[in-house]
PDB file of N, CA and C in Angstrom:
ATOM      1  N   UNK A   1       1.064  -8.519 -20.349  1.00  0.00           N
ATOM      2  CA  UNK A   1       1.007  -8.268 -19.014  1.00  0.00           C
ATOM      3  C   UNK A   1       1.071  -6.687 -19.175  1.00  0.00           C
ATOM      4  N   UNK A   2       0.384  -5.976 -18.223  1.00  0.00           N
ATOM      5  CA  UNK A   2       0.680  -4.641 -18.522  1.00  0.00           C
ATOM      6  C   UNK A   2       2.109  -4.288 -17.651  1.00  0.00           C
ATOM      7  N   UNK A   3       2.433  -3.092 -17.953  1.00  0.00           N
ATOM      8  CA  UNK A   3       3.723  -2.460 -17.117  1.00  0.00           C
ATOM      9  C   UNK A   3       3.639  -2.223 -15.884  1.00  0.00           C
ATOM     10  N   UNK A   4       4.107  -2.539 -14.959  1.00  0.00           N
ATOM     11  CA  UNK A   4       4.215  -2.069 -13.536  1.00  0.00           C
ATOM     12  C   UNK A   4       5.213  -1.462 -12.816  1.00  0.00           C
ATOM     13  N   UNK A   5       4.973  -0.660 -11.779  1.00  0.00           N
ATOM     14  CA  UNK A   5       6.111  -0.246 -10.933  1.00  0.00           C
ATOM     15  C   UNK A   5       5.544  -1.249  -9.508  1.00  0.00           C
ATOM     16  N   UNK A   6       6.194  -1.997  -9.075  1.00  0.00           N
ATOM     17  CA  UNK A   6       6.533  -3.052  -8.006  1.00  0.00           C
ATOM     18  C   UNK A   6       7.035  -2.587  -6.703  1.00  0.00           C
ATOM     19  N   UNK A   7       6.572  -2.040  -5.452  1.00  0.00           N
ATOM     20  CA  UNK A   7       7.042  -1.474  -4.384  1.00  0.00           C
ATOM     21  C   UNK A   7       6.739  -2.620  -3.431  1.00  0.00           C
ATOM     22  N   UNK A   8       8.095  -3.356  -2.859  1.00  0.00           N
ATOM     23  CA  UNK A   8       7.611  -4.347  -1.960  1.00  0.00           C
ATOM     24  C   UNK A   8       8.309  -4.296  -0.760  1.00  0.00           C
ATOM     25  N   UNK A   9       7.570  -4.752   0.274  1.00  0.00           N
ATOM     26  CA  UNK A   9       8.467  -4.296   1.937  1.00  0.00           C
ATOM     27  C   UNK A   9       8.167  -2.946   2.515  1.00  0.00           C
ATOM     28  N   UNK A  10       7.653  -2.131   2.016  1.00  0.00           N
ATOM     29  CA  UNK A  10       7.437  -0.811   2.612  1.00  0.00           C
ATOM     30  C   UNK A  10       7.152  -1.059   3.869  1.00  0.00           C
ATOM     31  N   UNK A  11       8.061  -0.899   5.192  1.00  0.00           N
ATOM     32  CA  UNK A  11       7.943  -1.235   6.291  1.00  0.00           C
ATOM     33  C   UNK A  11       7.328  -0.011   7.251  1.00  0.00           C
ATOM     34  N   UNK A  12       6.146  -0.173   8.018  1.00  0.00           N
ATOM     35  CA  UNK A  12       5.775   1.497   8.613  1.00  0.00           C
ATOM     36  C   UNK A  12       5.166   0.820   9.937  1.00  0.00           C
ATOM     37  N   UNK A  13       5.173   1.959  10.970  1.00  0.00           N
ATOM     38  CA  UNK A  13       4.706   1.863  12.397  1.00  0.00           C
ATOM     39  C   UNK A  13       3.470   2.237  12.098  1.00  0.00           C
ATOM     40  N   UNK A  14       2.111   1.698  12.382  1.00  0.00           N
ATOM     41  CA  UNK A  14       0.896   2.024  12.454  1.00  0.00           C
ATOM     42  C   UNK A  14      -0.078   1.653  13.448  1.00  0.00           C
ATOM     43  N   UNK A  15      -1.054   2.318  13.940  1.00  0.00           N
ATOM     44  CA  UNK A  15      -1.737   1.979  15.190  1.00  0.00           C
ATOM     45  C   UNK A  15      -3.254   1.374  14.891  1.00  0.00           C
ATOM     46  N   UNK A  16      -3.233   0.266  13.987  1.00  0.00           N
ATOM     47  CA  UNK A  16      -4.343  -0.560  13.743  1.00  0.00           C
ATOM     48  C   UNK A  16      -4.541  -1.521  14.039  1.00  0.00           C
ATOM     49  N   UNK A  17      -5.640  -2.115  14.220  1.00  0.00           N
ATOM     50  CA  UNK A  17      -6.328  -2.981  15.229  1.00  0.00           C
ATOM     51  C   UNK A  17      -7.602  -2.979  15.685  1.00  0.00           C
ATOM     52  N   UNK A  18      -8.084  -4.271  16.382  1.00  0.00           N
ATOM     53  CA  UNK A  18      -9.546  -4.087  17.147  1.00  0.00           C
ATOM     54  C   UNK A  18      -9.104  -3.890  18.566  1.00  0.00           C
ATOM     55  N   UNK A  19      -7.913  -4.237  18.870  1.00  0.00           N
ATOM     56  CA  UNK A  19      -7.739  -4.426  20.224  1.00  0.00           C
ATOM     57  C   UNK A  19      -7.127  -3.059  21.007  1.00  0.00           C
ATOM     58  N   UNK A  20      -7.237  -2.718  22.292  1.00  0.00           N
ATOM     59  CA  UNK A  20      -6.887  -1.586  22.844  1.00  0.00           C
ATOM     60  C   UNK A  20      -5.332  -1.404  22.343  1.00  0.00           C
ATOM     61  N   UNK A  21      -4.554  -2.567  22.962  1.00  0.00           N
ATOM     62  CA  UNK A  21      -3.279  -2.165  22.689  1.00  0.00           C
ATOM     63  C   UNK A  21      -2.750  -2.124  21.461  1.00  0.00           C
ATOM     64  N   UNK A  22      -3.415  -2.377  20.507  1.00  0.00           N
ATOM     65  CA  UNK A  22      -2.813  -2.440  19.074  1.00  0.00           C
ATOM     66  C   UNK A  22      -2.714  -0.753  18.745  1.00  0.00           C
ATOM     67  N   UNK A  23      -4.057  -0.345  19.054  1.00  0.00           N
ATOM     68  CA  UNK A  23      -4.345   1.425  18.629  1.00  0.00           C
ATOM     69  C   UNK A  23      -3.341   1.943  19.813  1.00  0.00           C
ATOM     70  N   UNK A  24      -3.052   1.338  20.957  1.00  0.00           N
ATOM     71  CA  UNK A  24      -2.128   2.314  21.726  1.00  0.00           C
ATOM     72  C   UNK A  24      -0.588   2.177  21.463  1.00  0.00           C
ATOM     73  N   UNK A  25      -0.548   0.965  20.866  1.00  0.00           N
ATOM     74  CA  UNK A  25       1.337   0.633  21.270  1.00  0.00           C
ATOM     75  C   UNK A  25       1.724   0.622  19.622  1.00  0.00           C
ATOM     76  N   UNK A  26       0.827   0.487  18.739  1.00  0.00           N
ATOM     77  CA  UNK A  26       1.218   0.316  17.361  1.00  0.00           C
ATOM     78  C   UNK A  26       1.769  -0.912  16.999  1.00  0.00           C
ATOM     79  N   UNK A  27       2.014  -1.296  15.782  1.00  0.00           N
ATOM     80  CA  UNK A  27       3.059  -2.416  15.469  1.00  0.00           C
ATOM     81  C   UNK A  27       3.483  -2.194  14.207  1.00  0.00           C
ATOM     82  N   UNK A  28       4.254  -2.942  13.595  1.00  0.00           N
ATOM     83  CA  UNK A  28       4.527  -3.008  11.960  1.00  0.00           C
ATOM     84  C   UNK A  28       3.678  -3.588  11.386  1.00  0.00           C
ATOM     85  N   UNK A  29       3.472  -2.889  10.133  1.00  0.00           N
ATOM     86  CA  UNK A  29       2.729  -3.244   8.996  1.00  0.00           C
ATOM     87  C   UNK A  29       3.713  -3.251   7.555  1.00  0.00           C
ATOM     88  N   UNK A  30       3.823  -4.197   6.696  1.00  0.00           N
ATOM     89  CA  UNK A  30       4.613  -4.172   5.618  1.00  0.00           C
ATOM     90  C   UNK A  30       3.567  -4.218   4.391  1.00  0.00           C
ATOM     91  N   UNK A  31       3.832  -3.015   3.392  1.00  0.00           N
ATOM     92  CA  UNK A  31       2.812  -3.043   2.557  1.00  0.00           C
ATOM     93  C   UNK A  31       3.543  -3.042   1.223  1.00  0.00           C
ATOM     94  N   UNK A  32       2.854  -3.874   0.244  1.00  0.00           N
ATOM     95  CA  UNK A  32       3.468  -4.290  -1.025  1.00  0.00           C
ATOM     96  C   UNK A  32       2.541  -3.363  -2.113  1.00  0.00           C
ATOM     97  N   UNK A  33       2.953  -2.865  -2.868  1.00  0.00           N
ATOM     98  CA  UNK A  33       2.004  -2.342  -3.711  1.00  0.00           C
ATOM     99  C   UNK A  33       2.558  -2.239  -5.551  1.00  0.00           C
ATOM    100  N   UNK A  34       1.644  -2.716  -6.014  1.00  0.00           N
ATOM    101  CA  UNK A  34       1.921  -2.903  -7.668  1.00  0.00           C
ATOM    102  C   UNK A  34       0.818  -1.927  -8.363  1.00  0.00           C
ATOM    103  N   UNK A  35       1.364  -1.128  -9.403  1.00  0.00           N
ATOM    104  CA  UNK A  35       0.781   0.116  -9.970  1.00  0.00           C
ATOM    105  C   UNK A  35       1.257  -0.260 -11.427  1.00  0.00           C
ATOM    106  N   UNK A  36      -0.458  -0.394 -11.864  1.00  0.00           N
ATOM    107  CA  UNK A  36      -0.334  -0.588 -13.259  1.00  0.00           C
ATOM    108  C   UNK A  36      -0.184   0.512 -13.846  1.00  0.00           C
ATOM    109  N   UNK A  37       0.332   0.987 -15.124  1.00  0.00           N
ATOM    110  CA  UNK A  37       0.404   1.966 -15.903  1.00  0.00           C
ATOM    111  C   UNK A  37       0.986   1.767 -17.402  1.00  0.00           C
ATOM    112  N   UNK A  38       1.105   2.693 -18.035  1.00  0.00           N
ATOM    113  CA  UNK A  38       1.743   2.643 -19.671  1.00  0.00           C
ATOM    114  C   UNK A  38       2.911   3.146 -19.152  1.00  0.00           C
ATOM    115  N   UNK A  39       4.081   2.468 -19.466  1.00  0.00           N
ATOM    116  CA  UNK A  39       5.413   2.973 -19.606  1.00  0.00           C
ATOM    117  C   UNK A  39       5.861   3.294 -20.699  1.00  0.00           C
ATOM    118  N   UNK A  40       5.189   3.273 -21.670  1.00  0.00           N
ATOM    119  CA  UNK A  40       6.001   3.395 -23.156  1.00  0.00           C
ATOM    120  C   UNK A  40       6.465   4.938 -23.375  1.00  0.00           C
ATOM    121  N   UNK A  41       5.674   5.928 -23.051  1.00  0.00           N
ATOM    122  CA  UNK A  41       6.245   7.258 -23.107  1.00  0.00           C
ATOM    123  C   UNK A  41       7.399   7.760 -22.152  1.00  0.00           C
ATOM    124  N   UNK A  42       7.508   7.046 -21.048  1.00  0.00           N
ATOM    125  CA  UNK A  42       8.621   7.361 -20.324  1.00  0.00           C
ATOM    126  C   UNK A  42       9.684   6.714 -20.370  1.00  0.00           C
ATOM    127  N   UNK A  43       9.592   5.565 -21.174  1.00  0.00           N
ATOM    128  CA  UNK A  43      10.798   5.073 -22.124  1.00  0.00           C
ATOM    129  C   UNK A  43      11.329   5.563 -23.049  1.00  0.00           C
ATOM    130  N   UNK A  44      10.364   6.283 -23.807  1.00  0.00           N
ATOM    131  CA  UNK A  44      11.161   6.927 -24.782  1.00  0.00           C
ATOM    132  C   UNK A  44      11.772   8.401 -24.633  1.00  0.00           C
ATOM    133  N   UNK A  45      11.053   8.922 -23.760  1.00  0.00           N
ATOM    134  CA  UNK A  45      11.337  10.520 -23.209  1.00  0.00           C
ATOM    135  C   UNK A  45      12.436  10.412 -22.144  1.00  0.00           C
ATOM    136  N   UNK A  46      12.349   9.068 -21.231  1.00  0.00           N
ATOM    137  CA  UNK A  46      13.265   9.092 -20.364  1.00  0.00           C
ATOM    138  C   UNK A  46      12.890  10.462 -19.325  1.00  0.00           C
ATOM    139  N   UNK A  47      11.647  10.598 -18.959  1.00  0.00           N
ATOM    140  CA  UNK A  47      11.370  11.446 -18.034  1.00  0.00           C
ATOM    141  C   UNK A  47      10.333  11.302 -16.991  1.00  0.00           C
ATOM    142  N   UNK A  48      10.877  11.689 -16.100  1.00  0.00           N
ATOM    143  CA  UNK A  48       9.836  11.185 -14.717  1.00  0.00           C
ATOM    144  C   UNK A  48       8.522  11.902 -15.098  1.00  0.00           C
ATOM    145  N   UNK A  49       8.199  13.119 -15.421  1.00  0.00           N
ATOM    146  CA  UNK A  49       6.916  13.601 -15.677  1.00  0.00           C
ATOM    147  C   UNK A  49       5.852  12.689 -16.386  1.00  0.00           C
ATOM    148  N   UNK A  50       6.456  11.683 -17.288  1.00  0.00           N
ATOM    149  CA  UNK A  50       5.767  10.760 -18.054  1.00  0.00           C
ATOM    150  C   UNK A  50       5.741   9.240 -17.538  1.00  0.00           C
ATOM    151  N   UNK A  51       5.709   9.346 -16.022  1.00  0.00           N
ATOM    152  CA  UNK A  51       5.611   8.171 -15.289  1.00  0.00           C
ATOM    153  C   UNK A  51       5.031   8.094 -13.954  1.00  0.00           C
ATOM    154  N   UNK A  52       4.533   7.359 -13.138  1.00  0.00           N
ATOM    155  CA  UNK A  52       4.677   7.441 -11.874  1.00  0.00           C
ATOM    156  C   UNK A  52       5.586   7.540 -10.947  1.00  0.00           C
ATOM    157  N   UNK A  53       5.997   8.907 -10.289  1.00  0.00           N
ATOM    158  CA  UNK A  53       6.760   8.706  -9.131  1.00  0.00           C
ATOM    159  C   UNK A  53       6.937   7.593  -7.755  1.00  0.00           C
ATOM    160  N   UNK A  54       7.445   6.922  -8.062  1.00  0.00           N
ATOM    161  CA  UNK A  54       7.373   5.751  -6.514  1.00  0.00           C
ATOM    162  C   UNK A  54       7.660   6.328  -5.397  1.00  0.00           C
ATOM    163  N   UNK A  55       8.702   7.471  -5.318  1.00  0.00           N
ATOM    164  CA  UNK A  55       9.016   8.110  -4.155  1.00  0.00           C
ATOM    165  C   UNK A  55       7.343   8.772  -3.558  1.00  0.00           C
ATOM    166  N   UNK A  56       7.028   9.297  -4.470  1.00  0.00           N
ATOM    167  CA  UNK A  56       5.537  10.173  -4.164  1.00  0.00           C
ATOM    168  C   UNK A  56       4.580   9.134  -3.593  1.00  0.00           C
ATOM    169  N   UNK A  57       4.565   7.777  -4.329  1.00  0.00           N
ATOM    170  CA  UNK A  57       3.661   7.103  -4.191  1.00  0.00           C
ATOM    171  C   UNK A  57       3.910   6.173  -2.610  1.00  0.00           C
ATOM    172  N   UNK A  58       5.435   6.173  -2.347  1.00  0.00           N
ATOM    173  CA  UNK A  58       5.233   5.637  -1.051  1.00  0.00           C
ATOM    174  C   UNK A  58       5.270   6.530  -0.022  1.00  0.00           C
ATOM    175  N   UNK A  59       5.430   8.110  -0.193  1.00  0.00           N
ATOM    176  CA  UNK A  59       5.046   8.886   0.645  1.00  0.00           C
ATOM    177  C   UNK A  59       3.580   8.846   0.812  1.00  0.00           C
ATOM    178  N   UNK A  60       2.544   8.633  -0.163  1.00  0.00           N
ATOM    179  CA  UNK A  60       1.186   8.624  -0.154  1.00  0.00           C
ATOM    180  C   UNK A  60       0.943   7.255   1.017  1.00  0.00           C
ATOM    181  N   UNK A  61       1.350   6.372   0.707  1.00  0.00           N
ATOM    182  CA  UNK A  61       0.930   5.177   1.055  1.00  0.00           C
ATOM    183  C   UNK A  61       1.240   5.232   2.707  1.00  0.00           C
ATOM    184  N   UNK A  62       2.698   5.791   3.109  1.00  0.00           N
ATOM    185  CA  UNK A  62       3.052   5.996   4.506  1.00  0.00           C
ATOM    186  C   UNK A  62       2.292   7.309   5.132  1.00  0.00           C
ATOM    187  N   UNK A  63       1.538   8.181   4.719  1.00  0.00           N
ATOM    188  CA  UNK A  63       0.386   8.998   5.053  1.00  0.00           C
ATOM    189  C   UNK A  63      -0.805   8.172   5.398  1.00  0.00           C
ATOM    190  N   UNK A  64      -1.020   7.261   4.737  1.00  0.00           N
ATOM    191  CA  UNK A  64      -2.191   6.648   5.171  1.00  0.00           C
ATOM    192  C   UNK A  64      -1.846   5.465   6.444  1.00  0.00           C
ATOM    193  N   UNK A  65      -1.046   4.632   6.286  1.00  0.00           N
ATOM    194  CA  UNK A  65      -0.624   3.936   7.284  1.00  0.00           C
ATOM    195  C   UNK A  65      -0.331   4.176   8.598  1.00  0.00           C
ATOM    196  N   UNK A  66       0.502   5.725   8.771  1.00  0.00           N
ATOM    197  CA  UNK A  66       0.817   6.224   9.925  1.00  0.00           C
ATOM    198  C   UNK A  66      -0.225   7.077  10.325  1.00  0.00           C
ATOM    199  N   UNK A  67      -1.285   7.341   9.480  1.00  0.00           N
ATOM    200  CA  UNK A  67      -2.774   8.349  10.032  1.00  0.00           C
ATOM    201  C   UNK A  67      -3.714   7.752  10.781  1.00  0.00           C
ATOM    202  N   UNK A  68      -4.619   8.363  10.434  1.00  0.00           N
ATOM    203  CA  UNK A  68      -5.980   7.820  11.337  1.00  0.00           C
ATOM    204  C   UNK A  68      -5.765   6.343  11.301  1.00  0.00           C
ATOM    205  N   UNK A  69      -6.009   5.899  12.492  1.00  0.00           N
ATOM    206  CA  UNK A  69      -6.260   4.324  13.142  1.00  0.00           C
ATOM    207  C   UNK A  69      -7.678   3.643  12.380  1.00  0.00           C
ATOM    208  N   UNK A  70      -7.589   2.556  12.081  1.00  0.00           N
ATOM    209  CA  UNK A  70      -8.741   1.962  11.757  1.00  0.00           C
ATOM    210  C   UNK A  70      -8.284   0.624  12.421  1.00  0.00           C
ATOM    211  N   UNK A  71      -9.802  -0.473  12.346  1.00  0.00           N
ATOM    212  CA  UNK A  71      -9.597  -1.711  12.900  1.00  0.00           C
ATOM    213  C   UNK A  71      -9.203  -2.665  11.961  1.00  0.00           C
ATOM    214  N   UNK A  72      -9.535  -2.882  10.970  1.00  0.00           N
ATOM    215  CA  UNK A  72      -9.344  -3.764  10.028  1.00  0.00           C
ATOM    216  C   UNK A  72      -8.207  -3.645   9.043  1.00  0.00           C
ATOM    217  N   UNK A  73      -7.477  -4.914   8.567  1.00  0.00           N
ATOM    218  CA  UNK A  73      -6.298  -4.661   7.889  1.00  0.00           C
ATOM    219  C   UNK A  73      -7.053  -4.472   6.301  1.00  0.00           C
ATOM    220  N   UNK A  74      -8.300  -4.977   6.152  1.00  0.00           N
ATOM    221  CA  UNK A  74      -8.961  -4.748   4.826  1.00  0.00           C
ATOM    222  C   UNK A  74      -9.305  -3.035   4.473  1.00  0.00           C
ATOM    223  N   UNK A  75      -9.658  -2.258   5.662  1.00  0.00           N
ATOM    224  CA  UNK A  75     -10.105  -0.966   5.362  1.00  0.00           C
ATOM    225  C   UNK A  75      -8.833   0.092   5.154  1.00  0.00           C
ATOM    226  N   UNK A  76      -7.461  -0.909   5.737  1.00  0.00           N
ATOM    227  CA  UNK A  76      -6.044  -0.005   5.431  1.00  0.00           C
ATOM    228  C   UNK A  76      -5.695  -0.176   4.247  1.00  0.00           C
ATOM    229  N   UNK A  77      -6.297  -1.510   3.628  1.00  0.00           N
ATOM    230  CA  UNK A  77      -5.472  -1.748   2.203  1.00  0.00           C
ATOM    231  C   UNK A  77      -6.402  -0.931   1.115  1.00  0.00           C
ATOM    232  N   UNK A  78      -7.716  -0.818   1.119  1.00  0.00           N
ATOM    233  CA  UNK A  78      -8.723  -0.119   0.468  1.00  0.00           C
ATOM    234  C   UNK A  78      -8.083   1.118   0.717  1.00  0.00           C
ATOM    235  N   UNK A  79      -8.034   2.006   1.908  1.00  0.00           N
ATOM    236  CA  UNK A  79      -7.206   3.384   2.163  1.00  0.00           C
ATOM    237  C   UNK A  79      -6.060   3.417   1.132  1.00  0.00           C
ATOM    238  N   UNK A  80      -5.158   2.438   1.390  1.00  0.00           N
ATOM    239  CA  UNK A  80      -3.846   2.882   0.577  1.00  0.00           C
ATOM    240  C   UNK A  80      -4.279   2.815  -0.889  1.00  0.00           C
ATOM    241  N   UNK A  81      -5.134   1.998  -1.321  1.00  0.00           N
ATOM    242  CA  UNK A  81      -5.360   1.663  -2.753  1.00  0.00           C
ATOM    243  C   UNK A  81      -5.868   2.981  -3.444  1.00  0.00           C
ATOM    244  N   UNK A  82      -6.988   3.463  -2.566  1.00  0.00           N
ATOM    245  CA  UNK A  82      -7.856   4.822  -3.001  1.00  0.00           C
ATOM    246  C   UNK A  82      -6.681   5.794  -2.980  1.00  0.00           C
ATOM    247  N   UNK A  83      -5.707   5.829  -2.380  1.00  0.00           N
ATOM    248  CA  UNK A  83      -4.783   7.051  -2.318  1.00  0.00           C
ATOM    249  C   UNK A  83      -3.887   6.812  -3.877  1.00  0.00           C
ATOM    250  N   UNK A  84      -3.505   5.507  -3.925  1.00  0.00           N
ATOM    251  CA  UNK A  84      -2.649   5.645  -4.775  1.00  0.00           C
ATOM    252  C   UNK A  84      -3.437   5.438  -6.233  1.00  0.00           C
ATOM    253  N   UNK A  85      -4.606   5.097  -6.403  1.00  0.00           N
ATOM    254  CA  UNK A  85      -5.061   4.967  -7.757  1.00  0.00           C
ATOM    255  C   UNK A  85      -5.456   6.610  -8.423  1.00  0.00           C
ATOM    256  N   UNK A  86      -5.099   7.318  -7.369  1.00  0.00           N
ATOM    257  CA  UNK A  86      -5.613   8.792  -7.724  1.00  0.00           C
ATOM    258  C   UNK A  86      -4.261   9.567  -8.713  1.00  0.00           C
ATOM    259  N   UNK A  87      -3.134   9.003  -8.615  1.00  0.00           N
ATOM    260  CA  UNK A  87      -1.891   9.494  -9.306  1.00  0.00           C
ATOM    261  C   UNK A  87      -2.234   9.371 -10.751  1.00  0.00           C
ATOM    262  N   UNK A  88      -1.952  10.400 -11.389  1.00  0.00           N
ATOM    263  CA  UNK A  88      -1.892  10.525 -12.855  1.00  0.00           C
ATOM    264  C   UNK A  88      -1.067   9.309 -13.463  1.00  0.00           C
ATOM    265  N   UNK A  89      -1.698   8.709 -14.505  1.00  0.00           N
ATOM    266  CA  UNK A  89      -1.085   7.607 -15.037  1.00  0.00           C
ATOM    267  C   UNK A  89      -1.199   5.943 -14.534  1.00  0.00           C
ATOM    268  N   UNK A  90      -1.999   6.055 -13.295  1.00  0.00           N
ATOM    269  CA  UNK A  90      -2.315   5.017 -12.621  1.00  0.00           C
ATOM    270  C   UNK A  90      -3.391   4.288 -13.261  1.00  0.00           C
ATOM    271  N   UNK A  91      -3.513   3.283 -13.862  1.00  0.00           N
ATOM    272  CA  UNK A  91      -4.573   2.452 -14.374  1.00  0.00           C
ATOM    273  C   UNK A  91      -5.352   1.636 -13.207  1.00  0.00           C
ATOM    274  N   UNK A  92      -4.440   0.970 -12.463  1.00  0.00           N
ATOM    275  CA  UNK A  92      -4.894  -0.028 -11.431  1.00  0.00           C
ATOM    276  C   UNK A  92      -3.891  -0.094 -10.528  1.00  0.00           C
ATOM    277  N   UNK A  93      -4.275  -0.508  -9.228  1.00  0.00           N
ATOM    278  CA  UNK A  93      -3.252  -0.631  -8.033  1.00  0.00           C
ATOM    279  C   UNK A  93      -3.614  -2.073  -7.172  1.00  0.00           C
ATOM    280  N   UNK A  94      -2.634  -2.855  -7.253  1.00  0.00           N
ATOM    281  CA  UNK A  94      -3.024  -3.949  -6.165  1.00  0.00           C
ATOM    282  C   UNK A  94      -2.096  -3.533  -4.573  1.00  0.00           C
ATOM    283  N   UNK A  95      -2.811  -3.768  -3.657  1.00  0.00           N
ATOM    284  CA  UNK A  95      -2.151  -3.348  -2.334  1.00  0.00           C
ATOM    285  C   UNK A  95      -2.384  -4.547  -1.329  1.00  0.00           C
ATOM    286  N   UNK A  96      -1.151  -5.200  -0.860  1.00  0.00           N
ATOM    287  CA  UNK A  96      -0.969  -6.060   0.198  1.00  0.00           C
ATOM    288  C   UNK A  96      -0.611  -5.589   1.493  1.00  0.00           C
ATOM    289  N   UNK A  97      -1.566  -5.751   2.247  1.00  0.00           N
ATOM    290  CA  UNK A  97      -1.127  -5.178   3.525  1.00  0.00           C
ATOM    291  C   UNK A  97      -0.711  -6.418   4.548  1.00  0.00           C
ATOM    292  N   UNK A  98       0.609  -6.589   4.952  1.00  0.00           N
ATOM    293  CA  UNK A  98       1.140  -7.575   5.707  1.00  0.00           C
ATOM    294  C   UNK A  98       0.684  -7.277   7.414  1.00  0.00           C
ATOM    295  N   UNK A  99       0.691  -7.850   8.354  1.00  0.00           N
ATOM    296  CA  UNK A  99       0.361  -7.820   9.553  1.00  0.00           C
ATOM    297  C   UNK A  99       0.967  -8.693  10.499  1.00  0.00           C
ATOM    298  N   UNK A 100       2.407  -8.741  10.167  1.00  0.00           N
ATOM    299  CA  UNK A 100       3.244 -10.096  10.742  1.00  0.00           C
ATOM    300  C   UNK A 100       3.263 -10.415  12.434  1.00  0.00           C
ATOM    301  N   UNK A 101       2.823  -9.496  13.138  1.00  0.00           N
ATOM    302  CA  UNK A 101       2.426  -9.627  14.415  1.00  0.00           C
ATOM    303  C   UNK A 101       1.421  -9.402  14.909  1.00  0.00           C
ATOM    304  N   UNK A 102       0.210 -10.125  14.051  1.00  0.00           N
ATOM    305  CA  UNK A 102      -1.250 -10.171  14.332  1.00  0.00           C
ATOM    306  C   UNK A 102      -1.272 -10.892  15.713  1.00  0.00           C
ATOM    307  N   UNK A 103      -1.921 -10.263  16.593  1.00  0.00           N
ATOM    308  CA  UNK A 103      -2.041 -11.105  17.788  1.00  0.00           C
ATOM    309  C   UNK A 103      -3.321 -12.197  17.724  1.00  0.00           C
ATOM    310  N   UNK A 104      -2.915 -13.300  17.110  1.00  0.00           N
ATOM    311  CA  UNK A 104      -4.035 -14.501  16.714  1.00  0.00           C
ATOM    312  C   UNK A 104      -3.931 -15.676  17.586  1.00  0.00           C
ATOM    313  N   UNK A 105      -2.973 -15.601  18.832  1.00  0.00           N
ATOM    314  CA  UNK A 105      -2.848 -16.470  19.795  1.00  0.00           C
ATOM    315  C   UNK A 105      -2.243 -17.811  19.148  1.00  0.00           C
ATOM    316  N   UNK A 106      -1.499 -17.905  18.011  1.00  0.00           N
ATOM    317  CA  UNK A 106      -0.358 -18.951  17.624  1.00  0.00           C
ATOM    318  C   UNK A 106       0.366 -18.401  16.851  1.00  0.00           C
ATOM    319  N   UNK A 107       1.549 -19.066  16.694  1.00  0.00           N
ATOM    320  CA  UNK A 107       2.621 -18.488  15.802  1.00  0.00           C
ATOM    321  C   UNK A 107       2.251 -18.813  14.245  1.00  0.00           C
ATOM    322  N   UNK A 108       2.632 -17.443  13.922  1.00  0.00           N
ATOM    323  CA  UNK A 108       2.343 -17.243  12.142  1.00  0.00           C
ATOM    324  C   UNK A 108       3.433 -16.462  11.770  1.00  0.00           C
ATOM    325  N   UNK A 109       3.772 -16.733  10.581  1.00  0.00           N
ATOM    326  CA  UNK A 109       4.705 -15.739   9.909  1.00  0.00           C
ATOM    327  C   UNK A 109       4.014 -14.332   9.426  1.00  0.00           C
ATOM    328  N   UNK A 110       3.007 -14.570   8.833  1.00  0.00           N
ATOM    329  CA  UNK A 110       2.308 -13.314   8.391  1.00  0.00           C
ATOM    330  C   UNK A 110       0.934 -13.393   8.430  1.00  0.00           C
ATOM    331  N   UNK A 111      -0.033 -12.650   8.320  1.00  0.00           N
ATOM    332  CA  UNK A 111      -1.500 -12.420   8.105  1.00  0.00           C
ATOM    333  C   UNK A 111      -1.573 -11.157   6.949  1.00  0.00           C
ATOM    334  N   UNK A 112      -2.271 -11.700   5.741  1.00  0.00           N
ATOM    335  CA  UNK A 112      -2.068 -10.326   4.915  1.00  0.00           C
ATOM    336  C   UNK A 112      -3.508 -10.488   4.219  1.00  0.00           C
ATOM    337  N   UNK A 113      -3.893  -9.129   3.584  1.00  0.00           N
ATOM    338  CA  UNK A 113      -4.922  -8.812   2.743  1.00  0.00           C
ATOM    339  C   UNK A 113      -4.713  -8.184   1.571  1.00  0.00           C
ATOM    340  N   UNK A 114      -5.189  -8.674   0.379  1.00  0.00           N
ATOM    341  CA  UNK A 114      -4.758  -7.960  -0.802  1.00  0.00           C
ATOM    342  C   UNK A 114      -5.869  -7.286  -1.525  1.00  0.00           C
ATOM    343  N   UNK A 115      -6.039  -6.125  -2.016  1.00  0.00           N
ATOM    344  CA  UNK A 115      -7.300  -5.865  -2.902  1.00  0.00           C
ATOM    345  C   UNK A 115      -6.598  -5.139  -4.056  1.00  0.00           C
ATOM    346  N   UNK A 116      -7.739  -4.903  -5.204  1.00  0.00           N
ATOM    347  CA  UNK A 116      -7.309  -4.413  -6.304  1.00  0.00           C
ATOM    348  C   UNK A 116      -8.287  -3.175  -6.325  1.00  0.00           C
ATOM    349  N   UNK A 117      -7.847  -2.130  -6.995  1.00  0.00           N
ATOM    350  CA  UNK A 117      -8.738  -1.285  -7.190  1.00  0.00           C
ATOM    351  C   UNK A 117      -8.067  -0.520  -8.490  1.00  0.00           C
ATOM    352  N   UNK A 118      -9.254  -0.590  -9.484  1.00  0.00           N
ATOM    353  CA  UNK A 118      -9.057  -0.224 -10.997  1.00  0.00           C
ATOM    354  C   UNK A 118      -9.511   1.353 -11.052  1.00  0.00           C
ATOM    355  N   UNK A 119      -8.547   2.167 -11.537  1.00  0.00           N
ATOM    356  CA  UNK A 119      -9.178   3.589 -11.708  1.00  0.00           C
ATOM    357  C   UNK A 119     -10.524   3.646 -13.129  1.00  0.00           C
ATOM    358  N   UNK A 120     -11.413   4.333 -12.577  1.00  0.00           N
ATOM    359  CA  UNK A 120     -12.420   4.179 -13.439  1.00  0.00           C
ATOM    360  C   UNK A 120     -13.530   5.319 -13.074  1.00  0.00           C
TER     361      UNK A 120
END
């Protein structure tokens, strides 16, 4: 199993969706990010420069989610993943975008989409 940094439940307000009211009023999106990296050097040096700074990762995710509006959570997930995979030391990233208030006409706990992007 690879070394990972797991960010779970990053809750942000964004303006994504196919309906006009979603783009106008926005809604809550919950983002999970799993960053694959090699943590051996950081574990021996105990230095932030030798790992992925998860505070900067959350900033990058927030910039995407609160930024330009898109229609689909698939698009949003890929944009988040593409932003995170550019960080030094990231080998791969899994991103799940949860849309708990998705207007689907039926009660649901969550609608989500997950993607994986490998650095390459």
